[in-house]
Amino acid sequence: MRCWPTARKLHCMLELKTDAVASPCNKVCRIDANTGWCEGCLRTLREIGEWSQLDDADKREVVIQLDQRRLRLMASPSKSDQPAP
């Protein structure tokens, strides 16, 4: 598999990674009513509930989504601007 720069390279690196994926939980467990995301880790309640049942590949996909959410929040002037998923 050939990896290209940026997002594709990150995706390739994640696919090749064999280590277990750690939970993104950082013990700040509050769900934002506007986004539906945990204010600490940015997961949805569904993602939190399913985490222990996901295989590592699916966990990596969730982590990629979390990074995308984090970027959206940083680009937005207000967290409340983000719609619930």
N, C-alpha and C. Protein backbone atom coordinates (compact mmCIF):
# COMPACT_ATOMS: atom_id res chain seq x y z
N MET A 1 0.84 -1.17 0.00
CA MET A 1 0.00 0.00 0.00
C MET A 1 0.89 1.24 0.00
N ARG A 2 0.64 2.13 -0.93
CA ARG A 2 1.41 3.36 -1.00
C ARG A 2 0.68 4.46 -0.25
N CYS A 3 1.39 5.15 0.60
CA CYS A 3 0.78 6.22 1.40
C CYS A 3 1.15 7.57 0.82
N TRP A 4 0.17 8.46 0.75
CA TRP A 4 0.38 9.82 0.28
C TRP A 4 0.36 10.77 1.47
N PRO A 5 0.82 11.99 1.28
CA PRO A 5 0.85 12.95 2.39
C PRO A 5 -0.53 13.24 2.97
N THR A 6 -0.52 13.80 4.11
CA THR A 6 -1.67 14.33 4.85
C THR A 6 -2.61 13.23 5.34
N ALA A 7 -3.91 13.43 5.08
CA ALA A 7 -4.91 12.52 5.66
C ALA A 7 -4.72 11.08 5.21
N ARG A 8 -4.38 10.89 3.95
CA ARG A 8 -4.20 9.52 3.45
C ARG A 8 -3.02 8.86 4.15
N LYS A 9 -1.96 9.62 4.37
CA LYS A 9 -0.80 9.06 5.07
C LYS A 9 -1.18 8.66 6.49
N LEU A 10 -1.94 9.51 7.16
CA LEU A 10 -2.40 9.19 8.51
C LEU A 10 -3.24 7.92 8.47
N HIS A 11 -4.14 7.82 7.50
CA HIS A 11 -4.99 6.64 7.38
C HIS A 11 -4.15 5.39 7.18
N CYS A 12 -3.14 5.46 6.33
CA CYS A 12 -2.25 4.32 6.09
C CYS A 12 -1.51 3.93 7.36
N MET A 13 -1.03 4.92 8.08
CA MET A 13 -0.30 4.64 9.31
C MET A 13 -1.21 3.95 10.32
N LEU A 14 -2.46 4.40 10.39
CA LEU A 14 -3.38 3.80 11.35
C LEU A 14 -3.71 2.36 10.96
N GLU A 15 -3.85 2.09 9.66
CA GLU A 15 -4.14 0.74 9.22
C GLU A 15 -3.00 -0.21 9.52
N LEU A 16 -1.78 0.29 9.42
CA LEU A 16 -0.61 -0.56 9.63
C LEU A 16 -0.30 -0.74 11.11
N LYS A 17 -0.83 0.13 11.95
CA LYS A 17 -0.54 0.07 13.38
C LYS A 17 -1.21 -1.16 13.99
N THR A 18 -0.47 -1.90 14.79
CA THR A 18 -1.01 -3.11 15.38
C THR A 18 -1.23 -3.00 16.88
N ASP A 19 -0.79 -1.92 17.50
CA ASP A 19 -0.98 -1.74 18.94
C ASP A 19 -2.46 -1.53 19.25
N ALA A 20 -2.85 -1.93 20.46
CA ALA A 20 -4.22 -1.70 20.91
C ALA A 20 -4.48 -0.20 20.99
N VAL A 21 -5.70 0.19 20.70
CA VAL A 21 -6.07 1.60 20.71
C VAL A 21 -6.60 1.95 22.09
N ALA A 22 -5.98 2.92 22.72
CA ALA A 22 -6.39 3.36 24.06
C ALA A 22 -7.67 4.19 23.97
N SER A 23 -8.44 4.14 25.02
CA SER A 23 -9.66 4.94 25.08
C SER A 23 -9.28 6.43 25.07
N PRO A 24 -10.03 7.23 24.33
CA PRO A 24 -9.76 8.67 24.32
C PRO A 24 -10.32 9.39 25.55
N CYS A 25 -10.97 8.66 26.44
CA CYS A 25 -11.56 9.27 27.63
C CYS A 25 -10.49 9.99 28.45
N ASN A 26 -10.79 11.23 28.84
CA ASN A 26 -9.87 11.98 29.68
C ASN A 26 -10.53 12.41 30.99
N LYS A 27 -11.60 11.68 31.36
CA LYS A 27 -12.29 11.86 32.64
C LYS A 27 -13.02 13.19 32.77
N VAL A 28 -13.33 13.84 31.65
CA VAL A 28 -14.18 15.03 31.64
C VAL A 28 -15.47 14.59 30.95
N CYS A 29 -16.35 14.00 31.71
CA CYS A 29 -17.51 13.31 31.12
C CYS A 29 -18.78 14.13 31.26
N ARG A 30 -19.01 15.00 30.29
CA ARG A 30 -20.22 15.82 30.21
C ARG A 30 -20.63 15.88 28.74
N ILE A 31 -21.89 15.58 28.48
CA ILE A 31 -22.37 15.63 27.10
C ILE A 31 -22.89 17.03 26.81
N ASP A 32 -22.37 17.63 25.74
CA ASP A 32 -22.81 18.94 25.30
C ASP A 32 -24.17 18.79 24.63
N ALA A 33 -25.16 19.52 25.11
CA ALA A 33 -26.53 19.40 24.59
C ALA A 33 -26.63 19.82 23.12
N ASN A 34 -25.79 20.74 22.68
CA ASN A 34 -25.84 21.21 21.29
C ASN A 34 -25.20 20.25 20.31
N THR A 35 -24.08 19.68 20.69
CA THR A 35 -23.36 18.80 19.77
C THR A 35 -23.68 17.33 19.97
N GLY A 36 -24.03 16.96 21.20
CA GLY A 36 -24.21 15.54 21.51
C GLY A 36 -22.89 14.84 21.76
N TRP A 37 -21.82 15.62 21.87
CA TRP A 37 -20.48 15.06 22.09
C TRP A 37 -20.06 15.26 23.54
N CYS A 38 -19.28 14.32 24.04
CA CYS A 38 -18.67 14.48 25.35
C CYS A 38 -17.73 15.69 25.28
N GLU A 39 -17.78 16.54 26.27
CA GLU A 39 -16.92 17.73 26.27
C GLU A 39 -15.45 17.36 26.46
N GLY A 40 -15.18 16.19 27.03
CA GLY A 40 -13.79 15.78 27.25
C GLY A 40 -13.17 15.09 26.05
N CYS A 41 -13.84 14.05 25.54
CA CYS A 41 -13.22 13.24 24.48
C CYS A 41 -13.88 13.43 23.12
N LEU A 42 -15.00 14.11 23.06
CA LEU A 42 -15.74 14.42 21.84
C LEU A 42 -16.46 13.22 21.23
N ARG A 43 -16.57 12.12 21.99
CA ARG A 43 -17.34 10.99 21.48
C ARG A 43 -18.82 11.19 21.77
N THR A 44 -19.66 10.54 20.97
CA THR A 44 -21.09 10.51 21.23
C THR A 44 -21.36 9.46 22.30
N LEU A 45 -22.55 9.49 22.87
CA LEU A 45 -22.91 8.47 23.85
C LEU A 45 -22.84 7.08 23.22
N ARG A 46 -23.24 6.97 21.99
CA ARG A 46 -23.17 5.67 21.30
C ARG A 46 -21.73 5.19 21.18
N GLU A 47 -20.83 6.10 20.76
CA GLU A 47 -19.42 5.72 20.63
C GLU A 47 -18.82 5.33 21.98
N ILE A 48 -19.21 6.04 23.02
CA ILE A 48 -18.72 5.71 24.36
C ILE A 48 -19.22 4.32 24.75
N GLY A 49 -20.51 4.08 24.55
CA GLY A 49 -21.10 2.81 24.94
C GLY A 49 -20.57 1.62 24.16
N GLU A 50 -20.24 1.84 22.89
CA GLU A 50 -19.78 0.74 22.04
C GLU A 50 -18.27 0.53 22.08
N TRP A 51 -17.53 1.46 22.68
CA TRP A 51 -16.07 1.45 22.61
C TRP A 51 -15.46 0.09 22.95
N SER A 52 -15.88 -0.49 24.05
CA SER A 52 -15.26 -1.75 24.50
C SER A 52 -15.58 -2.92 23.57
N GLN A 53 -16.58 -2.78 22.73
CA GLN A 53 -16.96 -3.84 21.80
C GLN A 53 -16.32 -3.68 20.42
N LEU A 54 -15.75 -2.52 20.15
CA LEU A 54 -15.15 -2.25 18.84
C LEU A 54 -13.81 -2.95 18.70
N ASP A 55 -13.49 -3.37 17.48
CA ASP A 55 -12.15 -3.88 17.24
C ASP A 55 -11.23 -2.67 17.02
N ASP A 56 -9.93 -2.91 16.99
CA ASP A 56 -8.97 -1.80 16.91
C ASP A 56 -9.14 -0.97 15.64
N ALA A 57 -9.48 -1.60 14.53
CA ALA A 57 -9.68 -0.84 13.29
C ALA A 57 -10.85 0.14 13.44
N ASP A 58 -11.94 -0.32 14.04
CA ASP A 58 -13.08 0.57 14.25
C ASP A 58 -12.76 1.66 15.26
N LYS A 59 -11.98 1.33 16.28
CA LYS A 59 -11.56 2.35 17.25
C LYS A 59 -10.72 3.42 16.57
N ARG A 60 -9.86 3.01 15.65
CA ARG A 60 -9.04 3.99 14.92
C ARG A 60 -9.92 4.90 14.07
N GLU A 61 -10.97 4.35 13.50
CA GLU A 61 -11.90 5.18 12.72
C GLU A 61 -12.58 6.21 13.62
N VAL A 62 -12.96 5.81 14.81
CA VAL A 62 -13.56 6.76 15.77
C VAL A 62 -12.55 7.85 16.11
N VAL A 63 -11.30 7.47 16.33
CA VAL A 63 -10.26 8.45 16.66
C VAL A 63 -10.09 9.45 15.52
N ILE A 64 -10.15 9.00 14.29
CA ILE A 64 -10.07 9.91 13.14
C ILE A 64 -11.24 10.89 13.18
N GLN A 65 -12.44 10.39 13.47
CA GLN A 65 -13.61 11.27 13.57
C GLN A 65 -13.45 12.28 14.70
N LEU A 66 -12.85 11.84 15.80
CA LEU A 66 -12.63 12.75 16.92
C LEU A 66 -11.69 13.88 16.52
N ASP A 67 -10.66 13.55 15.76
CA ASP A 67 -9.73 14.58 15.28
C ASP A 67 -10.45 15.57 14.37
N GLN A 68 -11.34 15.05 13.53
CA GLN A 68 -12.11 15.93 12.64
C GLN A 68 -13.04 16.83 13.44
N ARG A 69 -13.67 16.28 14.46
CA ARG A 69 -14.54 17.10 15.33
C ARG A 69 -13.74 18.18 16.04
N ARG A 70 -12.56 17.81 16.52
CA ARG A 70 -11.70 18.78 17.21
C ARG A 70 -11.34 19.93 16.27
N LEU A 71 -11.03 19.61 15.03
CA LEU A 71 -10.72 20.65 14.05
C LEU A 71 -11.93 21.54 13.79
N ARG A 72 -13.11 20.94 13.70
CA ARG A 72 -14.33 21.73 13.50
C ARG A 72 -14.55 22.69 14.66
N LEU A 73 -14.34 22.20 15.87
CA LEU A 73 -14.52 23.06 17.05
C LEU A 73 -13.52 24.20 17.08
N MET A 74 -12.28 23.91 16.70
CA MET A 74 -11.25 24.95 16.69
C MET A 74 -11.54 25.99 15.61
N ALA A 75 -12.16 25.58 14.52
CA ALA A 75 -12.45 26.51 13.42
C ALA A 75 -13.71 27.32 13.68
N SER A 76 -14.56 26.86 14.60
CA SER A 76 -15.82 27.53 14.88
C SER A 76 -15.64 28.59 15.96
N PRO A 77 -16.28 29.75 15.78
CA PRO A 77 -16.17 30.78 16.81
C PRO A 77 -16.85 30.37 18.12
N SER A 78 -17.80 29.45 18.06
CA SER A 78 -18.52 29.04 19.26
C SER A 78 -18.89 27.57 19.15
N LYS A 79 -18.65 26.81 20.23
CA LYS A 79 -19.03 25.39 20.24
C LYS A 79 -20.51 25.22 19.98
N SER A 80 -21.32 26.16 20.40
CA SER A 80 -22.76 26.01 20.24
C SER A 80 -23.18 26.10 18.78
N ASP A 81 -22.27 26.51 17.89
CA ASP A 81 -22.57 26.56 16.47
C ASP A 81 -22.61 25.18 15.84
N GLN A 82 -22.06 24.19 16.52
CA GLN A 82 -21.96 22.85 15.96
C GLN A 82 -23.28 22.10 16.14
N PRO A 83 -23.84 21.57 15.07
CA PRO A 83 -25.09 20.83 15.19
C PRO A 83 -24.85 19.46 15.82
N ALA A 84 -25.89 18.93 16.43
CA ALA A 84 -25.80 17.56 16.95
C ALA A 84 -25.65 16.61 15.79
N PRO A 85 -24.84 15.53 15.95
CA PRO A 85 -24.62 14.59 14.85
C PRO A 85 -25.87 13.81 14.52
